[in-house]
Amino acid sequence: MKLIFIKISILLGVLFLLNSCGIKRSMQDRPDISGIEAIDTTRIKHSDTHYSIGKNSLYKNQYGIWELYVEGDALERGVISGSLTRELMHKQETAFMEKIYKLVPETGYRNFLKKTVTWFNRKMYLHVPEEYKQEIYGTSLFGLEKYNDFAPAYIRMLYFHGAHDIGHALQDLMLVGCTSFAAWDEKTEDGQLLLGRNFDFYVGDEFAEEKIAAFINPVDGHKFMMYTWAGMIGSVSGLNEKGISVTINAGKSKIPLQAKTPISLVAREILQYASSTKEAIEIAKKREVFVSESIMVGSANERKAILIEVAPGNFGVYEVENSNELVCSNHFQSEAYVEDNRNLKAIKESHTQYRFDKMRELLSENEKLTPTKAAGILRDKAGLKGSNLGLGNEMAINQLLAHHGIIFKPEERKVWVSANPYQLGAFASYDLEQAFKDFEDGNVSGSVMTDETIAEDPFVNTETYKDYEKYRTLSREITEAIFAERKISEEKIKELKYLNPHFWEVYKIAGDYYFQQKEYKKAVINYKQGKRREVTTLPDKEYLEKMIKKSYRRL
């Protein structure tokens, strides 16, 4: 490992020398911040759950969701949102950075990582619009100083906006595996367009604790809302006042060599400036991305949804013909990607096709869709034909790790956002027109429509759910013990199986532990038990088969 590290360090040193001018420019680049001193950053604290700066406000509603309202130009929006959400931003930043530090605990490796990240992002600043650089800069004024040794606050915040892209490009991290759908005409109760999605982006439990329904009233472009977290100005799920909704789903990507436009900023630009699918396509076309992504765009005026499929060096648009539904998981469907080898490999080896088929199955079973039925679909934990996948299996629509679930009715400008945990909490309902009116009138909240809010999933109050949460904690403990080559009690292995008996990964973990302890007969038994369950991906199945053979050879 040390030899490999030295070789990589030498290679990186050469790359640094070859690109030193570009790296220096990227680290020194700053947006125009003229007039920043005139922006009022004096935050009034009304309570621990209510802050304001003029008409701008941050308020925690009865469902535990923070409602953020900001208005003005880019610099104003950034500075004010940073000031209002500073504690929440610190929590997000700490959760993200500590996750990195846990993965890379040694100082030498961290310095290597820092240099790698700097080199990788050396050209990102050339691909981010000035407006969004200004907004990020304003937000970064309230970043935590203790992480400045990794990168200055503004540069660090800029990097964070590419975390979604980098996370799904590095497939070993498995940060993303989202599923979304759209339905209209005869497929919905009133014929209107209805969209739903799960955002399965996981960077640890703490990262997902404080969710923000952000209502943005910009000087330029359209008013819009997005479901997000503090410090994030890009969009992963949102709806604008023109009835354009946007969600993003990761596609199969090669490991990128340099960052360009983060996909969340492309989605944000569509939200802020598009009023039709045509305009959304034009915006996406002019931006260079560095990973593959499906952007689902719903349009109220057109009463339809499309997929804009972007990748480095490729671009496609997918529209369904003679159909009233559209499904998206994590592979591409447009003509441009029919022969794309990475896309074909993702379909063959990963869980994207399984979730796609499961979503189609659920839509066929649910006629005349309503927001409540949509929430039921997003919460579904079963496999095809009702098979038991175990809890936490990425083959499920509800993988029990989502940052959020969200539902849109663009024609009525309505949105439903899930409260904790995952997409199991209540889906709080907002009417965009009413919400912006409330905020502009100086009201504290965007007024959740309680009569249209969807109740929490009863599953959260069951013993099965409690067992799953215990399983998550115990599985991490045992996995860490395996990594540290530490012995654990037989009772803990038994408890792991008891807490989540139908999940294949339980037996993979047990098999790995016994293999490490040289108890090869027990390892074989557990690996075989894992194979009898619904195994998530083809590489996972191949791993179990390999370990069974390896264990037999050791017997």
Protein backbone atom coordinates (compact mmCIF):
# COMPACT_ATOMS: atom_id res chain seq x y z
CA MET A 1 0.00 0.00 0.00
CA LYS A 2 2.84 2.38 0.88
CA LEU A 3 4.59 1.69 -2.44
CA ILE A 4 1.39 2.35 -4.36
CA PHE A 5 0.89 5.59 -2.43
CA ILE A 6 4.44 6.72 -3.29
CA LYS A 7 3.95 5.95 -7.00
CA ILE A 8 0.62 7.79 -7.11
CA SER A 9 2.16 10.74 -5.24
CA ILE A 10 4.98 10.95 -7.80
CA LEU A 11 2.48 10.81 -10.66
CA LEU A 12 0.36 13.47 -8.99
CA GLY A 13 3.46 15.62 -8.48
CA VAL A 14 4.21 15.47 -12.21
CA LEU A 15 0.60 16.36 -13.01
CA PHE A 16 0.80 19.25 -10.57
CA LEU A 17 3.87 20.60 -12.30
CA LEU A 18 2.22 20.28 -15.70
CA ASN A 19 -0.95 21.98 -14.49
CA SER A 20 0.40 24.31 -11.80
CA CYS A 21 -0.70 27.48 -13.59
CA GLY A 22 -4.25 26.16 -14.05
CA ILE A 23 -4.42 25.03 -10.42
CA LYS A 24 -3.17 28.40 -9.17
CA ARG A 25 -5.75 30.26 -11.28
CA SER A 26 -8.57 28.04 -10.04
CA MET A 27 -7.58 28.60 -6.40
CA GLN A 28 -7.34 32.37 -6.88
CA ASP A 29 -10.45 32.86 -9.02
CA ARG A 30 -13.22 34.83 -7.34
CA PRO A 31 -16.48 36.26 -8.70
CA ASP A 32 -17.31 39.96 -8.82
CA ILE A 33 -18.48 40.90 -5.32
CA SER A 34 -19.02 44.62 -5.89
CA GLY A 35 -21.52 46.02 -3.38
CA ILE A 36 -21.20 43.14 -0.93
CA GLU A 37 -20.48 45.52 1.95
CA ALA A 38 -23.96 47.05 1.51
CA ILE A 39 -25.76 43.74 2.09
CA ASP A 40 -27.36 43.46 5.51
CA THR A 41 -26.19 40.29 7.26
CA THR A 42 -27.69 41.14 10.65
CA ARG A 43 -29.76 38.13 11.52
CA ILE A 44 -32.62 38.50 14.00
CA LYS A 45 -33.12 35.42 16.14
CA HIS A 46 -36.79 35.15 17.11
CA SER A 47 -36.36 31.65 18.52
CA ASP A 48 -34.24 28.53 17.97
CA THR A 49 -36.50 27.72 15.02
CA HIS A 50 -37.07 31.17 13.51
CA TYR A 51 -34.56 33.67 12.08
CA SER A 52 -35.01 36.62 9.72
CA ILE A 53 -33.19 39.32 7.75
CA GLY A 54 -35.78 41.75 6.43
CA LYS A 55 -38.34 39.72 4.47
CA ASN A 56 -35.88 36.84 4.20
CA SER A 57 -36.48 34.11 6.76
CA LEU A 58 -35.69 30.65 8.06
CA TYR A 59 -38.36 28.78 9.99
CA LYS A 60 -38.77 25.18 11.16
CA ASN A 61 -42.34 23.98 10.62
CA GLN A 62 -44.40 21.45 12.52
CA TYR A 63 -43.01 18.57 10.44
CA GLY A 64 -39.40 19.36 11.28
CA ILE A 65 -38.72 20.81 7.82
CA TRP A 66 -36.86 24.11 7.59
CA GLU A 67 -38.49 26.68 5.28
CA LEU A 68 -36.05 29.16 3.76
CA TYR A 69 -37.11 32.26 1.84
CA VAL A 70 -34.54 34.48 0.13
CA GLU A 71 -34.86 37.22 -2.47
CA GLY A 72 -32.57 39.56 -4.40
CA ASP A 73 -29.63 39.26 -6.77
CA ALA A 74 -27.11 36.44 -6.64
CA LEU A 75 -24.76 37.99 -4.10
CA GLU A 76 -27.63 39.03 -1.82
CA ARG A 77 -29.19 35.57 -1.97
CA GLY A 78 -25.90 33.91 -1.13
CA VAL A 79 -24.93 36.18 1.75
CA ILE A 80 -28.43 36.18 3.27
CA SER A 81 -28.99 32.42 2.98
CA GLY A 82 -25.52 31.83 4.45
CA SER A 83 -26.27 34.13 7.37
CA LEU A 84 -29.72 32.63 8.01
CA THR A 85 -28.64 28.98 7.78
CA ARG A 86 -25.12 29.21 9.28
CA GLU A 87 -25.66 26.59 12.02
CA LEU A 88 -27.34 24.20 9.59
CA MET A 89 -24.55 24.77 7.08
CA HIS A 90 -21.95 24.02 9.73
CA LYS A 91 -23.73 20.77 10.54
CA GLN A 92 -23.84 19.73 6.86
CA GLU A 93 -20.22 20.68 6.31
CA THR A 94 -19.10 18.81 9.42
CA ALA A 95 -21.09 15.71 8.42
CA PHE A 96 -19.57 15.75 4.94
CA MET A 97 -15.98 16.52 5.95
CA GLU A 98 -15.97 14.09 8.87
CA LYS A 99 -17.21 11.38 6.51
CA ILE A 100 -14.18 12.10 4.33
CA TYR A 101 -11.83 12.19 7.31
CA LYS A 102 -13.20 8.87 8.53
CA LEU A 103 -12.57 7.31 5.12
CA VAL A 104 -9.10 8.90 5.00
CA PRO A 105 -7.91 9.01 8.65
CA GLU A 106 -4.16 9.42 8.08
CA THR A 107 -2.72 12.94 7.63
CA GLY A 108 -0.48 11.92 4.72
CA TYR A 109 -3.35 10.45 2.78
CA ARG A 110 -5.51 13.49 3.54
CA ASN A 111 -2.86 15.79 2.08
CA PHE A 112 -2.77 13.53 -0.96
CA LEU A 113 -6.57 13.69 -1.18
CA LYS A 114 -6.49 17.47 -0.87
CA LYS A 115 -4.04 17.74 -3.77
CA THR A 116 -6.05 15.27 -5.83
CA VAL A 117 -9.30 17.18 -5.28
CA THR A 118 -7.59 20.49 -6.12
CA TRP A 119 -6.16 19.03 -9.32
CA PHE A 120 -9.44 17.37 -10.28
CA ASN A 121 -11.44 20.61 -9.81
CA ARG A 122 -8.85 22.88 -11.43
CA LYS A 123 -11.20 23.88 -14.29
CA MET A 124 -14.56 23.82 -12.54
CA TYR A 125 -14.57 27.61 -12.14
CA LEU A 126 -14.55 28.00 -15.94
CA HIS A 127 -17.83 26.07 -16.21
CA VAL A 128 -19.86 27.65 -13.40
CA PRO A 129 -21.94 30.73 -14.38
CA GLU A 130 -20.84 33.97 -12.71
CA GLU A 131 -24.25 34.32 -11.07
CA TYR A 132 -23.89 31.01 -9.24
CA LYS A 133 -20.28 31.69 -8.29
CA GLN A 134 -21.48 34.91 -6.67
CA GLU A 135 -24.21 33.08 -4.78
CA ILE A 136 -21.81 30.37 -3.60
CA TYR A 137 -19.29 33.02 -2.56
CA GLY A 138 -21.92 34.79 -0.44
CA THR A 139 -22.85 31.52 1.25
CA SER A 140 -19.19 30.62 1.85
CA LEU A 141 -18.67 33.69 4.07
CA PHE A 142 -20.30 31.64 6.83
CA GLY A 143 -18.34 28.41 6.29
CA LEU A 144 -16.38 26.77 9.09
CA GLU A 145 -12.82 28.06 9.44
CA LYS A 146 -11.54 24.75 10.79
CA TYR A 147 -11.74 23.19 7.32
CA ASN A 148 -9.80 25.98 5.59
CA ASP A 149 -6.71 23.77 5.68
CA PHE A 150 -8.49 21.49 3.19
CA ALA A 151 -9.47 24.42 0.94
CA PRO A 152 -10.58 28.05 1.43
CA ALA A 153 -14.30 28.32 2.23
CA TYR A 154 -15.38 29.56 -1.22
CA ILE A 155 -13.36 26.92 -3.07
CA ARG A 156 -14.60 24.26 -0.67
CA MET A 157 -18.24 25.24 -1.20
CA LEU A 158 -17.69 25.18 -4.95
CA TYR A 159 -16.26 21.67 -4.66
CA PHE A 160 -19.23 20.49 -2.57
CA HIS A 161 -21.54 21.21 -5.50
CA GLY A 162 -19.80 18.47 -7.45
CA ALA A 163 -20.18 15.89 -4.64
CA HIS A 164 -23.29 14.31 -6.20
CA ASP A 165 -21.46 13.92 -9.52
CA ILE A 166 -18.28 12.52 -8.00
CA GLY A 167 -20.25 10.23 -5.67
CA HIS A 168 -22.00 8.36 -8.43
CA ALA A 169 -18.97 8.32 -10.73
CA LEU A 170 -17.01 6.49 -8.01
CA GLN A 171 -19.25 3.45 -8.05
CA ASP A 172 -17.63 1.89 -4.99
CA LEU A 173 -19.12 4.66 -2.82
CA MET A 174 -22.66 3.83 -4.02
CA LEU A 175 -23.98 7.22 -2.96
CA VAL A 176 -26.75 7.44 -5.53
CA GLY A 177 -29.46 5.13 -6.94
CA CYS A 178 -32.58 7.20 -7.50
CA THR A 179 -35.93 6.27 -9.06
CA SER A 180 -38.55 8.66 -10.51
CA PHE A 181 -41.76 8.61 -12.54
CA ALA A 182 -44.25 10.87 -14.29
CA ALA A 183 -47.90 10.18 -15.21
CA TRP A 184 -50.62 12.17 -16.96
CA ASP A 185 -53.94 12.01 -18.87
CA GLU A 186 -55.84 8.76 -18.15
CA LYS A 187 -53.13 7.59 -15.76
CA THR A 188 -53.96 10.21 -13.09
CA GLU A 189 -57.20 10.86 -11.24
CA ASP A 190 -57.79 14.31 -12.75
CA GLY A 191 -55.74 13.91 -15.93
CA GLN A 192 -53.10 16.35 -14.70
CA LEU A 193 -49.37 15.75 -14.77
CA LEU A 194 -48.08 14.09 -11.59
CA LEU A 195 -44.42 13.33 -10.84
CA GLY A 196 -42.66 11.57 -7.97
CA ARG A 197 -39.08 10.72 -7.06
CA ASN A 198 -36.82 9.33 -4.36
CA PHE A 199 -33.44 11.02 -3.97
CA ASP A 200 -31.24 8.20 -2.71
CA PHE A 201 -28.12 10.23 -1.96
CA TYR A 202 -26.47 9.01 1.24
CA VAL A 203 -23.52 10.60 3.02
CA GLY A 204 -24.44 9.47 6.53
CA ASP A 205 -27.45 9.94 8.78
CA GLU A 206 -26.43 13.37 10.07
CA PHE A 207 -26.24 14.79 6.56
CA ALA A 208 -29.95 14.05 6.00
CA GLU A 209 -31.27 15.28 9.36
CA GLU A 210 -31.88 18.95 8.50
CA LYS A 211 -33.84 19.30 5.26
CA ILE A 212 -34.69 22.67 3.71
CA ALA A 213 -37.66 23.62 1.53
CA ALA A 214 -36.01 26.64 -0.11
CA PHE A 215 -38.21 29.26 -1.79
CA ILE A 216 -36.08 31.46 -4.04
CA ASN A 217 -37.25 34.82 -5.43
CA PRO A 218 -34.44 35.95 -7.77
CA VAL A 219 -34.09 39.33 -9.49
CA ASP A 220 -33.52 37.49 -12.78
CA GLY A 221 -35.55 34.48 -13.89
CA HIS A 222 -38.50 32.69 -12.30
CA LYS A 223 -39.42 32.13 -8.68
CA PHE A 224 -38.90 28.51 -7.68
CA MET A 225 -38.70 26.12 -4.76
CA MET A 226 -36.29 23.25 -4.24
CA TYR A 227 -35.82 20.62 -1.56
CA THR A 228 -32.24 20.83 -0.42
CA TRP A 229 -29.77 21.28 2.45
CA ALA A 230 -27.86 24.25 3.84
CA GLY A 231 -25.03 25.55 1.68
CA MET A 232 -26.39 23.91 -1.48
CA ILE A 233 -27.49 26.39 -4.16
CA GLY A 234 -27.75 23.71 -6.86
CA SER A 235 -30.97 21.76 -7.27
CA VAL A 236 -31.68 18.05 -7.14
CA SER A 237 -35.49 18.35 -6.90
CA GLY A 238 -37.55 21.48 -7.58
CA LEU A 239 -40.53 23.26 -9.17
CA ASN A 240 -40.79 26.79 -10.57
CA GLU A 241 -43.65 29.27 -10.88
CA LYS A 242 -44.06 28.42 -14.60
CA GLY A 243 -44.87 24.81 -13.75
CA ILE A 244 -41.49 23.34 -14.70
CA SER A 245 -40.30 20.57 -12.38
CA VAL A 246 -36.77 19.15 -12.34
CA THR A 247 -35.26 16.03 -10.78
CA ILE A 248 -31.92 14.34 -11.47
CA ASN A 249 -31.00 10.64 -11.71
CA ALA A 250 -27.42 9.42 -12.00
CA GLY A 251 -26.28 7.39 -15.01
CA LYS A 252 -23.28 5.11 -15.47
CA SER A 253 -20.11 7.21 -15.83
CA LYS A 254 -16.44 6.57 -16.31
CA ILE A 255 -14.19 8.05 -13.65
CA PRO A 256 -13.84 11.71 -14.74
CA LEU A 257 -10.40 13.32 -14.98
CA GLN A 258 -11.59 16.86 -14.33
CA ALA A 259 -14.70 18.62 -13.07
CA LYS A 260 -16.82 20.80 -15.32
CA THR A 261 -20.39 21.94 -14.62
CA PRO A 262 -21.93 20.19 -11.58
CA ILE A 263 -25.22 18.65 -12.66
CA SER A 264 -27.08 20.27 -9.74
CA LEU A 265 -26.22 23.69 -11.18
CA VAL A 266 -27.54 22.66 -14.60
CA ALA A 267 -30.79 21.61 -12.92
CA ARG A 268 -30.84 24.87 -10.96
CA GLU A 269 -30.44 26.90 -14.15
CA ILE A 270 -33.35 25.05 -15.75
CA LEU A 271 -35.51 25.76 -12.70
CA GLN A 272 -34.62 29.44 -12.67
CA TYR A 273 -34.80 30.18 -16.38
CA ALA A 274 -36.91 27.59 -18.25
CA SER A 275 -40.65 27.82 -18.89
CA SER A 276 -40.89 24.91 -21.36
CA THR A 277 -39.16 21.62 -22.13
CA LYS A 278 -37.62 23.26 -25.22
CA GLU A 279 -35.97 25.94 -23.08
CA ALA A 280 -34.82 23.28 -20.60
CA ILE A 281 -33.14 21.34 -23.44
CA GLU A 282 -31.41 24.50 -24.69
CA ILE A 283 -30.02 25.24 -21.22
CA ALA A 284 -28.75 21.67 -20.74
CA LYS A 285 -27.15 21.63 -24.20
CA LYS A 286 -24.98 24.68 -23.56
CA ARG A 287 -23.38 23.26 -20.38
CA GLU A 288 -20.48 20.81 -20.33
CA VAL A 289 -20.92 18.15 -17.66
CA PHE A 290 -18.38 15.65 -16.34
CA VAL A 291 -20.67 12.73 -15.44
CA SER A 292 -23.72 11.05 -16.97
CA GLU A 293 -27.13 12.12 -15.73
CA SER A 294 -30.83 11.91 -16.57
CA ILE A 295 -32.73 15.13 -15.90
CA MET A 296 -36.49 14.57 -15.71
CA VAL A 297 -38.32 17.75 -16.68
CA GLY A 298 -42.07 18.06 -16.18
CA SER A 299 -44.02 20.81 -17.93
CA ALA A 300 -47.42 22.03 -16.76
CA ASN A 301 -48.29 23.86 -19.99
CA GLU A 302 -47.33 20.89 -22.17
CA ARG A 303 -48.76 18.32 -19.74
CA LYS A 304 -45.87 15.93 -20.25
CA ALA A 305 -42.45 14.98 -18.94
CA ILE A 306 -39.21 14.28 -20.79
CA LEU A 307 -35.75 12.99 -19.95
CA ILE A 308 -32.72 15.06 -20.90
CA GLU A 309 -29.82 12.59 -20.88
CA VAL A 310 -26.44 14.28 -20.63
CA ALA A 311 -22.92 12.87 -20.52
CA PRO A 312 -19.43 14.01 -21.46
CA GLY A 313 -19.47 13.94 -25.26
CA ASN A 314 -23.06 12.78 -25.64
CA PHE A 315 -26.57 14.22 -25.39
CA GLY A 316 -30.02 12.74 -25.84
CA VAL A 317 -33.68 13.54 -25.22
CA TYR A 318 -36.20 10.81 -24.46
CA GLU A 319 -39.94 11.25 -24.86
CA VAL A 320 -42.53 8.49 -24.64
CA GLU A 321 -44.89 8.04 -27.57
CA ASN A 322 -48.47 6.79 -27.24
CA SER A 323 -48.07 6.55 -23.49
CA ASN A 324 -49.15 8.45 -20.40
CA GLU A 325 -46.26 7.52 -18.11
CA LEU A 326 -42.49 7.93 -17.98
CA VAL A 327 -40.12 6.00 -15.71
CA CYS A 328 -36.50 6.76 -14.88
CA SER A 329 -33.97 4.86 -12.78
CA ASN A 330 -30.22 4.94 -13.43
CA HIS A 331 -29.80 4.07 -17.08
CA PHE A 332 -30.43 5.97 -20.32
CA GLN A 333 -33.30 5.35 -22.72
CA SER A 334 -32.82 7.77 -25.63
CA GLU A 335 -31.56 6.83 -29.11
CA ALA A 336 -28.22 8.54 -28.40
CA TYR A 337 -27.30 5.83 -25.85
CA VAL A 338 -28.62 2.69 -27.55
CA GLU A 339 -25.09 1.40 -28.21
CA ASP A 340 -23.36 3.08 -25.26
CA ASN A 341 -21.28 0.34 -23.61
CA ARG A 342 -21.35 1.85 -20.12
CA ASN A 343 -25.10 2.22 -20.24
CA LEU A 344 -25.54 -1.37 -21.45
CA LYS A 345 -23.22 -2.59 -18.70
CA ALA A 346 -25.21 -0.70 -16.06
CA ILE A 347 -28.43 -2.33 -17.29
CA LYS A 348 -26.84 -5.79 -17.22
CA GLU A 349 -24.88 -5.63 -13.97
CA SER A 350 -26.55 -3.14 -11.62
CA HIS A 351 -29.98 -2.81 -10.01
CA THR A 352 -31.23 -0.02 -12.32
CA GLN A 353 -33.25 -2.29 -14.65
CA TYR A 354 -34.81 -4.10 -11.69
CA ARG A 355 -36.03 -0.84 -10.15
CA PHE A 356 -37.22 0.35 -13.56
CA ASP A 357 -39.29 -2.83 -13.96
CA LYS A 358 -40.58 -2.55 -10.39
CA MET A 359 -41.72 1.04 -10.96
CA ARG A 360 -43.52 -0.04 -14.13
CA GLU A 361 -45.19 -2.82 -12.14
CA LEU A 362 -46.32 -0.40 -9.42
CA LEU A 363 -47.70 2.06 -11.98
CA SER A 364 -49.66 -0.72 -13.69
CA GLU A 365 -51.16 -1.72 -10.33
CA ASN A 366 -52.14 1.85 -9.42
CA GLU A 367 -54.71 3.30 -11.78
CA LYS A 368 -55.87 6.93 -11.52
CA LEU A 369 -52.87 8.12 -9.56
CA THR A 370 -53.17 10.72 -6.80
CA PRO A 371 -50.43 12.30 -4.66
CA THR A 372 -51.28 9.84 -1.87
CA LYS A 373 -50.92 6.87 -4.21
CA ALA A 374 -47.66 8.37 -5.49
CA ALA A 375 -46.33 8.49 -1.93
CA GLY A 376 -47.28 4.83 -1.53
CA ILE A 377 -45.26 3.98 -4.63
CA LEU A 378 -42.21 5.90 -3.38
CA ARG A 379 -42.45 4.07 -0.05
CA ASP A 380 -42.69 0.57 -1.56
CA LYS A 381 -40.08 -1.86 -0.12
CA ALA A 382 -41.02 -5.07 -1.97
CA GLY A 383 -39.42 -6.66 -5.00
CA LEU A 384 -41.05 -7.71 -8.26
CA LYS A 385 -44.32 -9.59 -7.73
CA GLY A 386 -44.15 -8.75 -4.03
CA SER A 387 -40.95 -10.69 -3.34
CA ASN A 388 -39.18 -10.07 -0.04
CA LEU A 389 -35.88 -8.26 -0.71
CA GLY A 390 -34.99 -7.69 2.90
CA LEU A 391 -34.84 -4.12 4.19
CA GLY A 392 -32.26 -1.74 2.74
CA ASN A 393 -31.86 -3.57 -0.56
CA GLU A 394 -31.04 -1.18 -3.43
CA MET A 395 -33.32 -3.20 -5.70
CA ALA A 396 -36.29 -1.65 -3.88
CA ILE A 397 -37.92 1.64 -4.84
CA ASN A 398 -37.66 2.52 -1.14
CA GLN A 399 -34.10 1.62 -0.15
CA LEU A 400 -34.54 3.10 3.32
CA LEU A 401 -31.68 5.55 2.87
CA ALA A 402 -33.24 8.36 0.80
CA HIS A 403 -32.39 11.95 1.58
CA HIS A 404 -35.96 12.73 0.55
CA GLY A 405 -38.99 11.82 -1.50
CA ILE A 406 -40.88 14.51 -3.43
CA ILE A 407 -44.11 14.74 -5.46
CA PHE A 408 -45.16 17.47 -7.93
CA LYS A 409 -48.45 18.59 -9.49
CA PRO A 410 -47.02 21.25 -11.82
CA GLU A 411 -50.35 22.40 -13.28
CA GLU A 412 -51.56 23.42 -9.82
CA ARG A 413 -48.05 24.54 -8.77
CA LYS A 414 -48.19 22.12 -5.83
CA VAL A 415 -45.41 20.11 -4.24
CA TRP A 416 -45.21 17.52 -1.45
CA VAL A 417 -41.89 17.01 0.41
CA SER A 418 -41.10 14.19 2.83
CA ALA A 419 -40.20 14.76 6.46
CA ASN A 420 -37.80 12.47 8.32
CA PRO A 421 -37.10 9.63 8.33
CA TYR A 422 -36.26 8.97 4.67
CA GLN A 423 -39.52 9.21 2.66
CA LEU A 424 -41.49 7.61 5.49
CA GLY A 425 -42.39 10.82 7.33
CA ALA A 426 -45.33 13.02 6.38
CA PHE A 427 -45.27 14.57 2.91
CA ALA A 428 -45.84 18.26 3.70
CA SER A 429 -47.82 20.03 0.98
CA TYR A 430 -47.14 23.51 -0.44
CA ASP A 431 -48.94 25.66 -2.98
CA LEU A 432 -46.16 27.69 -4.64
CA GLU A 433 -48.29 30.71 -5.44
CA GLN A 434 -49.66 30.91 -1.90
CA ALA A 435 -46.26 30.22 -0.34
CA PHE A 436 -44.55 33.07 -2.21
CA LYS A 437 -47.44 35.40 -1.42
CA ASP A 438 -47.07 34.56 2.28
CA PHE A 439 -43.33 35.17 2.25
CA GLU A 440 -43.57 38.40 0.26
CA ASP A 441 -46.20 39.63 2.73
CA GLY A 442 -43.63 39.12 5.48
CA ASN A 443 -45.17 35.99 6.99
CA VAL A 444 -42.95 33.60 8.90
CA SER A 445 -43.88 30.48 6.94
CA GLY A 446 -44.86 29.25 3.48
CA SER A 447 -47.99 27.83 5.09
CA VAL A 448 -48.06 24.04 4.77
CA MET A 449 -51.45 22.93 3.46
CA THR A 450 -52.27 20.58 6.32
CA ASP A 451 -55.48 19.36 4.68
CA GLU A 452 -53.47 18.09 1.68
CA THR A 453 -50.45 16.83 3.62
CA ILE A 454 -49.94 13.06 3.29
CA ALA A 455 -49.69 11.22 6.61
CA GLU A 456 -46.51 9.45 7.68
CA ASP A 457 -46.09 5.81 6.72
CA PRO A 458 -47.44 3.58 9.55
CA PHE A 459 -44.33 1.43 9.01
CA VAL A 460 -42.25 3.90 11.08
CA ASN A 461 -44.14 2.84 14.22
CA THR A 462 -43.60 -0.91 13.78
CA GLU A 463 -41.14 -3.23 15.47
CA THR A 464 -39.87 -4.20 12.02
CA TYR A 465 -38.73 -0.63 11.40
CA LYS A 466 -37.08 -0.44 14.82
CA ASP A 467 -35.29 -3.72 14.07
CA TYR A 468 -34.06 -2.28 10.76
CA GLU A 469 -32.54 0.74 12.49
CA LYS A 470 -30.84 -1.58 14.98
CA TYR A 471 -29.61 -3.66 12.04
CA ARG A 472 -28.04 -0.62 10.37
CA THR A 473 -26.08 0.19 13.53
CA LEU A 474 -25.01 -3.40 14.14
CA SER A 475 -24.02 -4.03 10.50
CA ARG A 476 -21.70 -1.01 10.61
CA GLU A 477 -20.18 -2.26 13.89
CA ILE A 478 -19.50 -5.73 12.49
CA THR A 479 -18.18 -4.37 9.17
CA GLU A 480 -15.75 -2.13 11.06
CA ALA A 481 -14.69 -5.11 13.19
CA ILE A 482 -13.94 -7.11 10.03
CA PHE A 483 -11.90 -4.23 8.63
CA ALA A 484 -9.97 -3.95 11.90
CA GLU A 485 -9.61 -7.76 12.13
CA ARG A 486 -11.30 -7.66 15.50
CA LYS A 487 -13.17 -10.60 17.02
CA ILE A 488 -16.86 -10.23 17.84
CA SER A 489 -19.33 -12.39 19.71
CA GLU A 490 -21.38 -15.13 18.05
CA GLU A 491 -24.47 -13.52 19.58
CA LYS A 492 -23.96 -10.39 17.46
CA ILE A 493 -23.90 -12.42 14.25
CA LYS A 494 -27.11 -14.17 15.31
CA GLU A 495 -28.72 -10.83 16.16
CA LEU A 496 -27.74 -9.41 12.77
CA LYS A 497 -29.62 -12.26 11.05
CA TYR A 498 -32.60 -11.92 13.35
CA LEU A 499 -32.96 -8.18 12.69
CA ASN A 500 -33.02 -8.41 8.86
CA PRO A 501 -33.34 -12.12 7.90
CA HIS A 502 -34.34 -11.70 4.23
CA PHE A 503 -31.51 -9.38 3.17
CA TRP A 504 -28.68 -11.13 1.30
CA GLU A 505 -26.04 -8.71 2.57
CA VAL A 506 -26.57 -9.93 6.15
CA TYR A 507 -25.13 -13.30 5.14
CA LYS A 508 -22.36 -11.72 3.08
CA ILE A 509 -21.23 -9.79 6.18
CA ALA A 510 -21.44 -12.95 8.33
CA GLY A 511 -19.56 -14.93 5.67
CA ASP A 512 -16.82 -12.28 5.47
CA TYR A 513 -16.42 -12.36 9.25
CA TYR A 514 -16.14 -16.13 9.44
CA PHE A 515 -13.74 -16.23 6.48
CA GLN A 516 -11.48 -13.74 8.22
CA GLN A 517 -11.63 -15.83 11.39
CA LYS A 518 -10.65 -18.90 9.30
CA GLU A 519 -13.96 -20.62 10.10
CA TYR A 520 -14.40 -21.57 6.45
CA LYS A 521 -17.28 -24.04 6.91
CA LYS A 522 -19.40 -21.31 8.55
CA ALA A 523 -18.31 -18.89 5.83
CA VAL A 524 -19.57 -21.25 3.10
CA ILE A 525 -22.90 -21.74 4.87
CA ASN A 526 -23.48 -17.99 5.11
CA TYR A 527 -22.38 -17.19 1.56
CA LYS A 528 -24.77 -19.88 0.30
CA GLN A 529 -27.55 -18.41 2.44
CA GLY A 530 -26.86 -15.04 0.82
CA LYS A 531 -27.12 -16.57 -2.67
CA ARG A 532 -30.61 -17.89 -1.84
CA ARG A 533 -31.86 -14.32 -1.30
CA GLU A 534 -32.44 -11.57 -3.86
CA VAL A 535 -28.85 -10.44 -4.50
CA THR A 536 -28.60 -6.81 -5.58
CA THR A 537 -26.19 -6.84 -8.53
CA LEU A 538 -24.31 -9.22 -10.81
CA PRO A 539 -20.93 -8.29 -9.23
CA ASP A 540 -22.46 -9.07 -5.81
CA LYS A 541 -23.50 -12.55 -7.05
CA GLU A 542 -20.05 -13.11 -8.52
CA TYR A 543 -18.48 -12.09 -5.20
CA LEU A 544 -20.52 -14.68 -3.28
CA GLU A 545 -19.61 -17.41 -5.79
CA LYS A 546 -15.93 -16.46 -5.62
CA MET A 547 -15.92 -16.53 -1.81
CA ILE A 548 -17.68 -19.91 -1.70
CA LYS A 549 -14.97 -21.40 -3.94
CA LYS A 550 -12.25 -19.67 -1.96
CA SER A 551 -13.67 -20.99 1.33
CA TYR A 552 -13.86 -24.56 -0.01
CA ARG A 553 -10.22 -24.38 -1.07
CA ARG A 554 -9.26 -23.35 2.48
CA LEU A 555 -11.20 -26.19 4.11
